[in-house]
Amino acid sequence: MNDDFRRIMVKRLRMVEEDLANVRQWYYSQPPSERQTFKKDLQALVEASKPFAGSCLTIEVKYQATAHAQDGETISVKASRSPEEILQAIDEWDNADEHDPSFI
């Protein structure tokens, strides 16, 4: 594997991890009832996207948030992942939290 290819793959992996970290931060800022609703909505998106599985079309969830600091500085975060990726990550987070409830 050449160095350019390796760099590209590492960059992609970091982007996926960063996207999911941004979604996780938002997800856990929601009350439990909203998190359950979000999971149900994501499952509906997973089901709705199945007809596109064999094509070059994809369904993605886009997340964007901007925070304004008191000093006037703004911080923006965003993510773009498939509903299936997000739902799988949420299941992993929730399962990990069941084993370590002090996280929440």
N, C-alpha and C. Protein backbone atom coordinates (compact mmCIF):
# COMPACT_ATOMS: atom_id res chain seq x y z
N MET A 1 0.86 -1.16 0.00
CA MET A 1 0.00 0.00 0.00
C MET A 1 0.91 1.23 0.00
N ASN A 2 0.69 2.14 -0.94
CA ASN A 2 1.56 3.31 -0.99
C ASN A 2 1.13 4.37 0.03
N ASP A 3 2.02 5.30 0.29
CA ASP A 3 1.78 6.31 1.33
C ASP A 3 0.59 7.21 1.02
N ASP A 4 0.40 7.58 -0.25
CA ASP A 4 -0.74 8.45 -0.61
C ASP A 4 -2.07 7.76 -0.31
N PHE A 5 -2.15 6.50 -0.69
CA PHE A 5 -3.38 5.75 -0.44
C PHE A 5 -3.64 5.63 1.06
N ARG A 6 -2.59 5.34 1.82
CA ARG A 6 -2.71 5.21 3.27
C ARG A 6 -3.18 6.52 3.90
N ARG A 7 -2.62 7.64 3.45
CA ARG A 7 -3.05 8.96 3.96
C ARG A 7 -4.52 9.22 3.68
N ILE A 8 -4.95 8.88 2.49
CA ILE A 8 -6.35 9.08 2.10
C ILE A 8 -7.26 8.23 2.99
N MET A 9 -6.89 6.99 3.22
CA MET A 9 -7.71 6.11 4.05
C MET A 9 -7.76 6.59 5.50
N VAL A 10 -6.65 7.05 6.03
CA VAL A 10 -6.63 7.56 7.40
C VAL A 10 -7.48 8.82 7.50
N LYS A 11 -7.39 9.68 6.50
CA LYS A 11 -8.19 10.92 6.49
C LYS A 11 -9.68 10.59 6.46
N ARG A 12 -10.06 9.61 5.65
CA ARG A 12 -11.47 9.21 5.58
C ARG A 12 -11.96 8.64 6.91
N LEU A 13 -11.13 7.82 7.54
CA LEU A 13 -11.50 7.24 8.82
C LEU A 13 -11.67 8.33 9.88
N ARG A 14 -10.77 9.29 9.90
CA ARG A 14 -10.88 10.41 10.84
C ARG A 14 -12.15 11.21 10.60
N MET A 15 -12.50 11.41 9.33
CA MET A 15 -13.70 12.17 9.01
C MET A 15 -14.94 11.43 9.52
N VAL A 16 -14.99 10.12 9.33
CA VAL A 16 -16.12 9.33 9.82
C VAL A 16 -16.20 9.45 11.34
N GLU A 17 -15.06 9.29 12.02
CA GLU A 17 -15.04 9.38 13.48
C GLU A 17 -15.47 10.76 13.96
N GLU A 18 -15.01 11.81 13.28
CA GLU A 18 -15.38 13.17 13.67
C GLU A 18 -16.86 13.42 13.44
N ASP A 19 -17.38 12.97 12.31
CA ASP A 19 -18.81 13.12 12.03
C ASP A 19 -19.64 12.44 13.12
N LEU A 20 -19.29 11.21 13.44
CA LEU A 20 -20.07 10.47 14.44
C LEU A 20 -19.91 11.08 15.83
N ALA A 21 -18.75 11.64 16.13
CA ALA A 21 -18.56 12.31 17.42
C ALA A 21 -19.47 13.54 17.52
N ASN A 22 -19.62 14.26 16.42
CA ASN A 22 -20.51 15.42 16.42
C ASN A 22 -21.96 15.00 16.62
N VAL A 23 -22.36 13.93 15.94
CA VAL A 23 -23.73 13.43 16.11
C VAL A 23 -23.92 12.92 17.53
N ARG A 24 -22.93 12.25 18.07
CA ARG A 24 -23.04 11.72 19.44
C ARG A 24 -23.24 12.85 20.45
N GLN A 25 -22.49 13.91 20.29
CA GLN A 25 -22.62 15.05 21.20
C GLN A 25 -24.05 15.59 21.17
N TRP A 26 -24.59 15.74 19.97
CA TRP A 26 -25.97 16.22 19.85
C TRP A 26 -26.95 15.21 20.44
N TYR A 27 -26.76 13.93 20.09
CA TYR A 27 -27.66 12.86 20.52
C TYR A 27 -27.79 12.85 22.04
N TYR A 28 -26.67 12.91 22.74
CA TYR A 28 -26.72 12.85 24.20
C TYR A 28 -27.14 14.17 24.85
N SER A 29 -27.26 15.21 24.05
CA SER A 29 -27.79 16.47 24.59
C SER A 29 -29.32 16.46 24.60
N GLN A 30 -29.90 15.45 23.96
CA GLN A 30 -31.36 15.34 23.88
C GLN A 30 -31.90 14.54 25.05
N PRO A 31 -33.13 14.84 25.48
CA PRO A 31 -33.74 14.01 26.52
C PRO A 31 -33.97 12.58 26.00
N PRO A 32 -34.02 11.60 26.90
CA PRO A 32 -34.19 10.20 26.47
C PRO A 32 -35.38 9.98 25.53
N SER A 33 -36.49 10.65 25.75
CA SER A 33 -37.65 10.46 24.87
C SER A 33 -37.35 10.94 23.45
N GLU A 34 -36.60 12.03 23.32
CA GLU A 34 -36.23 12.54 22.00
C GLU A 34 -35.23 11.61 21.32
N ARG A 35 -34.34 11.02 22.11
CA ARG A 35 -33.37 10.07 21.54
C ARG A 35 -34.10 8.86 20.96
N GLN A 36 -35.11 8.37 21.69
CA GLN A 36 -35.89 7.22 21.19
C GLN A 36 -36.62 7.58 19.90
N THR A 37 -37.20 8.76 19.86
CA THR A 37 -37.89 9.22 18.65
C THR A 37 -36.91 9.32 17.49
N PHE A 38 -35.73 9.86 17.76
CA PHE A 38 -34.70 9.99 16.72
C PHE A 38 -34.30 8.62 16.18
N LYS A 39 -34.12 7.65 17.07
CA LYS A 39 -33.76 6.30 16.63
C LYS A 39 -34.85 5.69 15.75
N LYS A 40 -36.12 5.91 16.13
CA LYS A 40 -37.23 5.40 15.30
C LYS A 40 -37.23 6.07 13.93
N ASP A 41 -36.99 7.38 13.91
CA ASP A 41 -36.94 8.11 12.64
C ASP A 41 -35.78 7.63 11.77
N LEU A 42 -34.64 7.37 12.39
CA LEU A 42 -33.50 6.85 11.63
C LEU A 42 -33.82 5.47 11.06
N GLN A 43 -34.48 4.63 11.85
CA GLN A 43 -34.85 3.30 11.35
C GLN A 43 -35.76 3.43 10.14
N ALA A 44 -36.68 4.40 10.18
CA ALA A 44 -37.56 4.63 9.03
C ALA A 44 -36.74 5.07 7.81
N LEU A 45 -35.71 5.89 8.02
CA LEU A 45 -34.86 6.30 6.91
C LEU A 45 -34.06 5.12 6.35
N VAL A 46 -33.61 4.25 7.23
CA VAL A 46 -32.88 3.05 6.78
C VAL A 46 -33.79 2.23 5.88
N GLU A 47 -35.03 2.03 6.31
CA GLU A 47 -35.98 1.26 5.50
C GLU A 47 -36.28 1.97 4.18
N ALA A 48 -36.45 3.29 4.23
CA ALA A 48 -36.77 4.05 3.02
C ALA A 48 -35.61 4.07 2.03
N SER A 49 -34.39 3.92 2.51
CA SER A 49 -33.23 3.98 1.62
C SER A 49 -32.90 2.64 0.97
N LYS A 50 -33.54 1.57 1.39
CA LYS A 50 -33.23 0.24 0.85
C LYS A 50 -33.38 0.14 -0.67
N PRO A 51 -34.37 0.79 -1.30
CA PRO A 51 -34.46 0.69 -2.76
C PRO A 51 -33.24 1.26 -3.49
N PHE A 52 -32.45 2.10 -2.83
CA PHE A 52 -31.29 2.70 -3.46
C PHE A 52 -30.01 1.90 -3.22
N ALA A 53 -30.10 0.80 -2.50
CA ALA A 53 -28.91 0.03 -2.09
C ALA A 53 -28.08 -0.43 -3.29
N GLY A 54 -28.70 -0.76 -4.38
CA GLY A 54 -27.97 -1.26 -5.54
C GLY A 54 -27.64 -0.21 -6.58
N SER A 55 -27.81 1.04 -6.23
CA SER A 55 -27.56 2.09 -7.22
C SER A 55 -26.47 3.03 -6.74
N CYS A 56 -26.20 4.01 -7.55
CA CYS A 56 -25.18 5.00 -7.18
C CYS A 56 -25.78 6.14 -6.35
N LEU A 57 -27.06 6.05 -6.00
CA LEU A 57 -27.72 7.06 -5.18
C LEU A 57 -27.64 6.66 -3.71
N THR A 58 -27.50 7.65 -2.85
CA THR A 58 -27.44 7.37 -1.42
C THR A 58 -28.35 8.34 -0.66
N ILE A 59 -28.74 7.92 0.51
CA ILE A 59 -29.50 8.76 1.43
C ILE A 59 -28.55 9.08 2.58
N GLU A 60 -28.43 10.37 2.92
CA GLU A 60 -27.56 10.76 4.02
C GLU A 60 -28.29 11.72 4.94
N VAL A 61 -27.90 11.66 6.20
CA VAL A 61 -28.39 12.60 7.20
C VAL A 61 -27.30 13.65 7.36
N LYS A 62 -27.69 14.91 7.24
CA LYS A 62 -26.72 15.99 7.43
C LYS A 62 -27.04 16.70 8.72
N TYR A 63 -26.00 16.94 9.49
CA TYR A 63 -26.12 17.63 10.77
C TYR A 63 -25.19 18.83 10.73
N GLN A 64 -25.70 19.99 11.18
CA GLN A 64 -24.88 21.18 11.27
C GLN A 64 -25.33 22.00 12.46
N ALA A 65 -24.36 22.43 13.25
CA ALA A 65 -24.66 23.26 14.42
C ALA A 65 -23.61 24.36 14.52
N THR A 66 -24.04 25.51 14.98
CA THR A 66 -23.13 26.63 15.19
C THR A 66 -23.33 27.15 16.60
N ALA A 67 -22.21 27.29 17.32
CA ALA A 67 -22.25 27.82 18.68
C ALA A 67 -21.57 29.18 18.67
N HIS A 68 -22.12 30.11 19.42
CA HIS A 68 -21.58 31.45 19.50
C HIS A 68 -21.02 31.68 20.90
N ALA A 69 -19.72 31.98 20.97
CA ALA A 69 -19.09 32.26 22.25
C ALA A 69 -19.35 33.70 22.65
N GLN A 70 -19.17 34.00 23.92
CA GLN A 70 -19.40 35.35 24.42
C GLN A 70 -18.45 36.37 23.80
N ASP A 71 -17.27 35.93 23.40
CA ASP A 71 -16.30 36.85 22.80
C ASP A 71 -16.56 37.09 21.32
N GLY A 72 -17.67 36.56 20.81
CA GLY A 72 -18.05 36.77 19.42
C GLY A 72 -17.56 35.70 18.46
N GLU A 73 -16.73 34.81 18.94
CA GLU A 73 -16.23 33.73 18.10
C GLU A 73 -17.32 32.69 17.88
N THR A 74 -17.36 32.12 16.70
CA THR A 74 -18.33 31.07 16.42
C THR A 74 -17.60 29.78 16.08
N ILE A 75 -18.22 28.69 16.45
CA ILE A 75 -17.70 27.36 16.15
C ILE A 75 -18.81 26.60 15.44
N SER A 76 -18.49 26.06 14.29
CA SER A 76 -19.46 25.28 13.54
C SER A 76 -18.98 23.84 13.43
N VAL A 77 -19.91 22.92 13.58
CA VAL A 77 -19.62 21.51 13.38
C VAL A 77 -20.67 20.95 12.43
N LYS A 78 -20.27 19.94 11.70
CA LYS A 78 -21.22 19.31 10.80
C LYS A 78 -20.86 17.86 10.62
N ALA A 79 -21.82 17.13 10.11
CA ALA A 79 -21.63 15.71 9.85
C ALA A 79 -22.54 15.31 8.70
N SER A 80 -22.12 14.31 7.98
CA SER A 80 -22.93 13.77 6.90
C SER A 80 -22.65 12.27 6.83
N ARG A 81 -23.61 11.49 7.25
CA ARG A 81 -23.47 10.03 7.31
C ARG A 81 -24.78 9.40 6.88
N SER A 82 -24.72 8.14 6.53
CA SER A 82 -25.94 7.42 6.17
C SER A 82 -26.74 7.15 7.45
N PRO A 83 -28.06 7.04 7.32
CA PRO A 83 -28.86 6.73 8.50
C PRO A 83 -28.44 5.40 9.14
N GLU A 84 -28.02 4.46 8.33
CA GLU A 84 -27.59 3.16 8.84
C GLU A 84 -26.33 3.28 9.69
N GLU A 85 -25.37 4.09 9.22
CA GLU A 85 -24.13 4.30 9.98
C GLU A 85 -24.44 4.94 11.34
N ILE A 86 -25.30 5.94 11.33
CA ILE A 86 -25.63 6.65 12.57
C ILE A 86 -26.38 5.71 13.51
N LEU A 87 -27.34 4.97 13.00
CA LEU A 87 -28.11 4.05 13.84
C LEU A 87 -27.21 2.98 14.44
N GLN A 88 -26.30 2.45 13.66
CA GLN A 88 -25.36 1.45 14.18
C GLN A 88 -24.48 2.06 15.27
N ALA A 89 -24.01 3.28 15.06
CA ALA A 89 -23.18 3.95 16.07
C ALA A 89 -23.98 4.19 17.34
N ILE A 90 -25.22 4.63 17.20
CA ILE A 90 -26.07 4.88 18.38
C ILE A 90 -26.26 3.58 19.17
N ASP A 91 -26.51 2.49 18.47
CA ASP A 91 -26.68 1.20 19.16
C ASP A 91 -25.40 0.84 19.94
N GLU A 92 -24.24 1.09 19.33
CA GLU A 92 -22.98 0.82 20.01
C GLU A 92 -22.81 1.72 21.23
N TRP A 93 -23.15 3.02 21.09
CA TRP A 93 -23.03 3.95 22.21
C TRP A 93 -23.95 3.53 23.35
N ASP A 94 -25.20 3.24 22.98
CA ASP A 94 -26.18 2.86 24.01
C ASP A 94 -25.78 1.57 24.71
N ASN A 95 -25.27 0.60 23.95
CA ASN A 95 -24.82 -0.66 24.56
C ASN A 95 -23.64 -0.43 25.48
N ALA A 96 -22.72 0.43 25.09
CA ALA A 96 -21.58 0.74 25.94
C ALA A 96 -22.04 1.45 27.20
N ASP A 97 -23.04 2.32 27.08
CA ASP A 97 -23.55 3.06 28.24
C ASP A 97 -24.27 2.15 29.22
N GLU A 98 -24.88 1.08 28.70
CA GLU A 98 -25.54 0.13 29.60
C GLU A 98 -24.51 -0.57 30.48
N HIS A 99 -23.31 -0.76 29.94
CA HIS A 99 -22.24 -1.41 30.71
C HIS A 99 -21.52 -0.43 31.63
N ASP A 100 -21.59 0.88 31.30
CA ASP A 100 -20.94 1.90 32.12
C ASP A 100 -21.90 3.08 32.24
N PRO A 101 -22.91 2.97 33.10
CA PRO A 101 -23.93 4.03 33.19
C PRO A 101 -23.38 5.36 33.73
N SER A 102 -22.18 5.37 34.23
CA SER A 102 -21.63 6.63 34.74
C SER A 102 -21.28 7.58 33.61
N PHE A 103 -21.26 7.07 32.37
CA PHE A 103 -20.93 7.90 31.22
C PHE A 103 -21.93 9.03 31.03
N ILE A 104 -23.20 8.73 31.20
CA ILE A 104 -24.26 9.70 30.92
C ILE A 104 -24.36 10.70 31.98
